[in-house]
N, C-alpha and C. Protein backbone atom coordinates (compact mmCIF):
# COMPACT_ATOMS: atom_id res chain seq x y z
N MET A 1 0.76 -1.21 0.13
CA MET A 1 -0.02 0.04 0.08
C MET A 1 0.96 1.39 0.15
N SER A 2 2.07 1.42 0.62
CA SER A 2 2.71 2.41 0.96
C SER A 2 3.45 2.60 -0.38
N ILE A 3 3.98 1.53 -1.15
CA ILE A 3 4.43 1.94 -2.74
C ILE A 3 3.39 2.48 -3.52
N ILE A 4 2.33 2.11 -3.79
CA ILE A 4 1.18 2.50 -4.55
C ILE A 4 0.99 3.93 -3.91
N TYR A 5 1.17 4.28 -2.69
CA TYR A 5 1.20 5.80 -2.75
C TYR A 5 2.00 6.57 -2.72
N GLU A 6 3.51 6.21 -2.78
CA GLU A 6 4.57 6.80 -3.07
C GLU A 6 4.79 6.80 -4.54
N LEU A 7 4.04 6.10 -5.42
CA LEU A 7 4.00 6.41 -6.82
C LEU A 7 3.03 7.02 -7.22
N LEU A 8 1.94 7.33 -6.31
CA LEU A 8 0.98 8.24 -6.93
C LEU A 8 1.68 9.75 -6.61
N LEU A 9 2.12 9.75 -5.31
CA LEU A 9 2.98 11.01 -4.94
C LEU A 9 3.93 11.49 -6.00
N TYR A 10 4.66 10.42 -6.47
CA TYR A 10 5.71 10.93 -7.20
C TYR A 10 5.09 11.42 -8.41
N ASP A 11 4.21 10.77 -9.27
CA ASP A 11 3.59 11.06 -10.56
C ASP A 11 2.56 12.46 -10.38
N VAL A 12 2.23 12.84 -9.11
CA VAL A 12 1.70 14.18 -9.07
C VAL A 12 2.78 15.13 -8.67
N SER A 13 3.77 14.87 -7.84
CA SER A 13 5.05 15.79 -8.11
C SER A 13 5.52 16.04 -9.54
N ASN A 14 5.48 15.12 -9.95
CA ASN A 14 6.14 15.12 -11.56
C ASN A 14 5.60 16.48 -12.14
N LYS A 15 4.12 16.15 -12.25
CA LYS A 15 3.11 17.01 -12.77
C LYS A 15 2.91 18.62 -12.11
N ILE A 16 3.43 18.60 -11.11
CA ILE A 16 3.46 20.07 -10.54
C ILE A 16 4.69 20.32 -10.62
N LEU A 17 6.08 19.90 -10.64
CA LEU A 17 7.27 20.21 -11.16
C LEU A 17 7.35 20.49 -12.35
N PHE A 18 7.22 19.43 -13.24
CA PHE A 18 7.52 19.45 -14.75
C PHE A 18 6.80 19.89 -15.39
N LEU A 19 6.14 21.20 -15.64
CA LEU A 19 5.18 21.65 -16.67
C LEU A 19 5.76 21.08 -18.01
N SER A 20 4.51 21.16 -18.51
CA SER A 20 4.66 20.48 -20.22
C SER A 20 5.16 21.77 -20.76
N ASN A 21 5.90 21.34 -21.72
CA ASN A 21 6.28 22.63 -22.74
C ASN A 21 5.36 23.79 -23.06
N GLU A 22 4.23 23.16 -23.41
CA GLU A 22 3.13 24.35 -23.83
C GLU A 22 2.84 25.20 -22.71
N ARG A 23 2.81 24.59 -21.75
CA ARG A 23 2.24 25.25 -20.45
C ARG A 23 3.50 26.15 -19.76
N LEU A 24 4.77 25.67 -19.93
CA LEU A 24 5.88 26.49 -19.56
C LEU A 24 6.03 27.69 -20.51
N ILE A 25 5.76 27.46 -21.96
CA ILE A 25 5.70 28.73 -22.68
C ILE A 25 4.68 29.58 -22.36
N TYR A 26 3.63 29.03 -21.99
CA TYR A 26 2.59 30.30 -21.38
C TYR A 26 2.94 31.14 -20.24
N HIS A 27 3.49 30.27 -19.16
CA HIS A 27 3.84 30.70 -18.09
C HIS A 27 5.03 31.99 -18.26
N LEU A 28 5.89 31.54 -19.18
CA LEU A 28 6.88 32.63 -19.65
C LEU A 28 6.39 33.71 -20.37
N LEU A 29 5.36 33.49 -21.14
CA LEU A 29 4.56 34.44 -21.87
C LEU A 29 4.20 35.54 -20.86
N VAL A 30 3.48 35.24 -19.80
CA VAL A 30 3.11 35.98 -18.87
C VAL A 30 3.75 36.50 -18.27
N ILE A 31 4.91 35.65 -17.69
CA ILE A 31 5.79 36.76 -16.87
C ILE A 31 6.49 37.80 -17.56
N PHE A 32 6.53 37.46 -18.71
CA PHE A 32 7.33 38.53 -19.83
C PHE A 32 6.34 39.68 -19.95
N ALA A 33 4.92 39.47 -19.96
CA ALA A 33 4.14 40.38 -20.24
C ALA A 33 4.12 41.48 -18.91
N PHE A 34 3.93 40.95 -18.02
CA PHE A 34 3.95 41.28 -16.76
C PHE A 34 4.93 42.11 -16.43
N SER A 35 6.30 41.55 -16.75
CA SER A 35 7.36 42.50 -16.40
C SER A 35 7.36 43.68 -17.65
N LEU A 36 7.21 43.68 -18.84
CA LEU A 36 6.90 44.76 -19.49
C LEU A 36 6.15 45.68 -19.07
N ALA A 37 4.78 45.04 -18.76
CA ALA A 37 3.88 46.24 -17.94
C ALA A 37 4.58 46.89 -16.94
N PHE A 38 5.19 46.19 -15.92
CA PHE A 38 5.66 46.86 -14.68
C PHE A 38 6.65 47.91 -15.09
N ILE A 39 7.66 47.46 -16.39
CA ILE A 39 8.70 48.27 -16.53
C ILE A 39 8.04 49.59 -17.08
N GLY A 40 7.15 49.40 -17.97
CA GLY A 40 6.43 50.44 -18.78
C GLY A 40 5.97 51.68 -17.68
N VAL A 41 5.05 51.25 -16.97
CA VAL A 41 4.53 51.92 -15.84
C VAL A 41 5.39 52.75 -14.94
N ALA A 42 6.57 51.83 -14.47
CA ALA A 42 7.82 52.61 -14.07
C ALA A 42 8.15 53.47 -14.65
N GLU A 43 8.71 53.28 -15.99
CA GLU A 43 9.17 54.57 -16.41
C GLU A 43 8.24 55.77 -16.86
N VAL A 44 6.92 55.59 -17.15
CA VAL A 44 6.18 56.64 -17.33
C VAL A 44 6.16 57.22 -16.00
N MET A 45 5.99 56.69 -14.81
CA MET A 45 5.77 57.30 -13.61
C MET A 45 7.12 58.29 -13.15
N TYR A 46 8.30 57.58 -13.97
CA TYR A 46 9.60 58.26 -13.50
C TYR A 46 9.73 59.34 -14.16
N TRP A 47 9.26 59.49 -15.35
CA TRP A 47 9.67 60.41 -16.46
C TRP A 47 8.58 61.80 -16.19
N SER A 48 7.46 61.13 -15.95
CA SER A 48 6.27 62.61 -15.35
C SER A 48 6.79 63.42 -14.33
N TYR A 49 7.32 62.46 -13.05
CA TYR A 49 7.99 62.92 -12.12
C TYR A 49 9.03 63.86 -12.07
N LYS A 50 9.90 63.36 -13.10
CA LYS A 50 11.06 64.09 -13.14
C LYS A 50 10.78 65.50 -14.06
N LYS A 51 9.72 65.27 -14.74
CA LYS A 51 9.35 66.56 -15.65
C LYS A 51 8.79 67.74 -14.64
N ASP A 52 8.18 67.09 -13.79
CA ASP A 52 7.42 67.84 -12.74
C ASP A 52 8.48 68.60 -11.76
N TYR A 53 9.04 67.90 -11.38
CA TYR A 53 10.29 67.95 -10.44
C TYR A 53 11.50 69.19 -11.22
N LEU A 54 11.66 68.86 -12.53
CA LEU A 54 12.42 69.89 -13.19
C LEU A 54 11.55 71.23 -13.54
N ARG A 55 10.41 71.19 -13.68
CA ARG A 55 9.59 72.35 -13.96
C ARG A 55 9.82 73.23 -12.61
N ALA A 56 9.58 72.52 -11.63
CA ALA A 56 9.63 73.44 -10.35
C ALA A 56 11.03 73.70 -9.92
N LYS A 57 11.50 73.21 -10.20
CA LYS A 57 13.09 73.85 -9.88
C LYS A 57 13.40 74.93 -10.77
N ALA A 58 12.85 74.91 -12.02
CA ALA A 58 13.01 76.09 -13.09
C ALA A 58 12.55 76.90 -12.55
N LYS A 59 11.04 77.12 -12.23
CA LYS A 59 10.31 78.11 -11.45
C LYS A 59 11.02 78.68 -10.13
N TYR A 60 11.45 77.99 -9.44
CA TYR A 60 12.17 78.36 -8.48
C TYR A 60 13.82 78.91 -8.51
N LEU A 61 14.21 78.68 -9.30
CA LEU A 61 15.33 79.46 -9.96
C LEU A 61 15.14 80.76 -10.91
N ARG A 62 14.01 81.06 -11.21
CA ARG A 62 13.46 82.22 -11.76
C ARG A 62 13.22 83.06 -10.80
N GLU A 63 12.43 82.79 -9.71
CA GLU A 63 11.91 83.46 -8.74
C GLU A 63 13.30 83.93 -7.90
N LEU A 64 14.37 82.81 -7.80
CA LEU A 64 15.38 83.14 -6.80
C LEU A 64 16.47 84.56 -7.48
N ILE A 65 16.41 84.12 -8.96
CA ILE A 65 17.14 85.17 -9.89
C ILE A 65 16.37 86.67 -9.99
N ASP A 66 15.04 86.25 -9.90
CA ASP A 66 14.43 87.83 -9.91
C ASP A 66 14.61 88.33 -8.14
N GLN A 67 14.58 87.70 -7.36
CA GLN A 67 14.85 88.19 -5.82
C GLN A 67 16.38 88.72 -5.86
N LYS A 68 17.44 87.86 -6.48
CA LYS A 68 18.81 88.25 -6.11
C LYS A 68 18.99 89.47 -7.01
N ASN A 69 18.23 89.80 -8.21
CA ASN A 69 18.57 91.05 -8.79
C ASN A 69 17.79 92.35 -8.59
N ASP A 70 16.95 92.20 -7.64
CA ASP A 70 16.26 93.17 -6.61
C ASP A 70 16.81 93.55 -5.54
N LEU A 71 17.33 94.59 -6.02
CA LEU A 71 18.36 95.41 -5.12
C LEU A 71 17.77 96.14 -3.82
N THR A 72 16.18 96.48 -4.07
CA THR A 72 15.57 97.29 -3.03
C THR A 72 14.99 96.14 -2.03
N SER A 73 15.11 94.78 -2.29
CA SER A 73 14.40 93.83 -1.35
C SER A 73 15.46 93.68 -0.17
N ILE A 74 14.75 93.55 0.95
CA ILE A 74 15.45 93.33 2.30
C ILE A 74 16.16 92.02 2.15
N ASN A 75 15.64 91.00 1.43
CA ASN A 75 16.40 89.68 1.39
C ASN A 75 17.29 89.51 0.38
N GLU A 76 17.57 90.55 -0.31
CA GLU A 76 18.62 90.34 -1.61
C GLU A 76 19.76 89.43 -1.24
N PRO A 77 20.41 90.01 0.15
CA PRO A 77 21.54 89.08 0.61
C PRO A 77 21.34 87.84 0.70
N PHE A 78 20.13 87.14 1.07
CA PHE A 78 19.77 85.72 1.65
C PHE A 78 19.81 85.18 -0.06
N TYR A 79 18.97 85.95 -1.12
CA TYR A 79 18.79 85.02 -2.39
C TYR A 79 20.38 85.20 -3.03
N THR A 80 20.98 86.24 -3.13
CA THR A 80 22.18 86.12 -3.31
C THR A 80 23.46 85.08 -3.00
N CYS A 81 23.21 84.85 -1.47
CA CYS A 81 23.77 83.76 -1.17
C CYS A 81 23.73 82.28 -1.63
N VAL A 82 22.33 82.10 -1.76
CA VAL A 82 21.81 80.97 -2.42
C VAL A 82 22.21 80.82 -3.79
N TYR A 83 22.04 81.84 -4.71
CA TYR A 83 22.39 81.69 -6.22
C TYR A 83 24.23 81.43 -6.25
N GLU A 84 24.73 82.21 -5.45
CA GLU A 84 26.09 82.20 -5.63
C GLU A 84 26.59 80.98 -5.38
N LYS A 85 25.99 80.38 -4.16
CA LYS A 85 26.74 78.76 -3.90
C LYS A 85 26.08 78.06 -4.91
N TRP A 86 25.04 78.08 -5.45
CA TRP A 86 24.53 77.02 -6.49
C TRP A 86 25.15 77.20 -7.64
N ASN A 87 25.72 78.60 -8.16
CA ASN A 87 26.00 78.84 -9.43
C ASN A 87 27.40 78.50 -9.57
N SER A 88 28.03 78.49 -8.48
CA SER A 88 29.51 78.06 -8.52
C SER A 88 29.84 76.89 -8.49
N GLY A 89 28.63 76.15 -8.13
CA GLY A 89 29.03 74.30 -8.15
C GLY A 89 29.09 74.06 -6.71
N GLU A 90 29.37 74.80 -5.66
CA GLU A 90 29.73 74.54 -4.45
C GLU A 90 29.07 73.43 -3.56
N MET A 91 27.41 73.64 -4.03
CA MET A 91 26.71 72.73 -3.65
C MET A 91 25.40 72.67 -4.27
N PRO A 92 24.55 71.50 -3.73
CA PRO A 92 23.33 71.69 -4.49
C PRO A 92 22.63 72.73 -3.95
N LEU A 93 21.29 73.28 -4.97
CA LEU A 93 20.33 74.27 -4.47
C LEU A 93 19.80 74.17 -3.06
N THR A 94 19.40 72.80 -2.77
CA THR A 94 18.64 72.81 -1.58
C THR A 94 19.68 72.88 -0.06
N GLU A 95 20.90 72.49 -0.35
CA GLU A 95 21.59 72.65 0.46
C GLU A 95 22.33 73.87 0.77
N ALA A 96 22.44 74.80 -0.58
CA ALA A 96 22.92 76.23 -0.31
C ALA A 96 21.67 77.07 0.09
N ASN A 97 20.30 76.57 -0.02
CA ASN A 97 19.07 77.24 0.49
C ASN A 97 19.26 77.30 2.24
N THR A 98 19.42 75.80 2.27
CA THR A 98 19.43 75.69 4.06
C THR A 98 20.93 76.49 4.49
N LEU A 99 21.97 76.23 4.01
CA LEU A 99 22.74 77.26 4.53
C LEU A 99 22.72 78.68 4.54
N CYS A 100 22.14 79.31 3.54
CA CYS A 100 21.81 80.43 3.35
C CYS A 100 20.94 80.81 4.65
N SER A 101 19.88 79.97 4.51
CA SER A 101 18.66 80.30 5.47
C SER A 101 19.22 80.37 7.18
N LEU A 102 20.23 79.57 7.56
CA LEU A 102 20.80 79.56 8.73
C LEU A 102 21.70 80.74 8.84
N LYS A 103 22.26 81.18 7.54
CA LYS A 103 23.46 82.15 7.72
C LYS A 103 22.46 83.70 8.04
N PHE A 104 21.50 83.57 7.63
CA PHE A 104 20.52 85.04 7.20
C PHE A 104 19.33 84.90 8.30
N GLY A 105 19.03 83.58 8.83
CA GLY A 105 17.86 83.64 9.77
C GLY A 105 16.75 83.61 8.64
N GLN A 106 16.59 82.94 7.79
CA GLN A 106 15.26 83.15 7.16
C GLN A 106 14.67 81.76 7.41
N ASP A 107 13.27 81.98 7.09
CA ASP A 107 12.63 80.61 7.34
C ASP A 107 12.04 80.03 6.13
């Protein structure tokens, strides 16, 4: 009785572990399709967020340059500090903003 049980178990495990060629091809096609869909969605999200980020950064830089060039503003030294540190390549824009905020007491 145990030999029959083991043979049945062996037969079922072979069906589970070893797929037929046709089923294997279908599984691979499904995996490939989902992989392409995942990569496609990820790429679209990446480029749309990057576009929004670059647009916001450009807007901030335009405002920063306008404020820097406004010599009547009381915050002109702060904006000049941020622009000069960023433009010289000394540090990224966010770090320059943080450093100059601490230096001039801006919020």
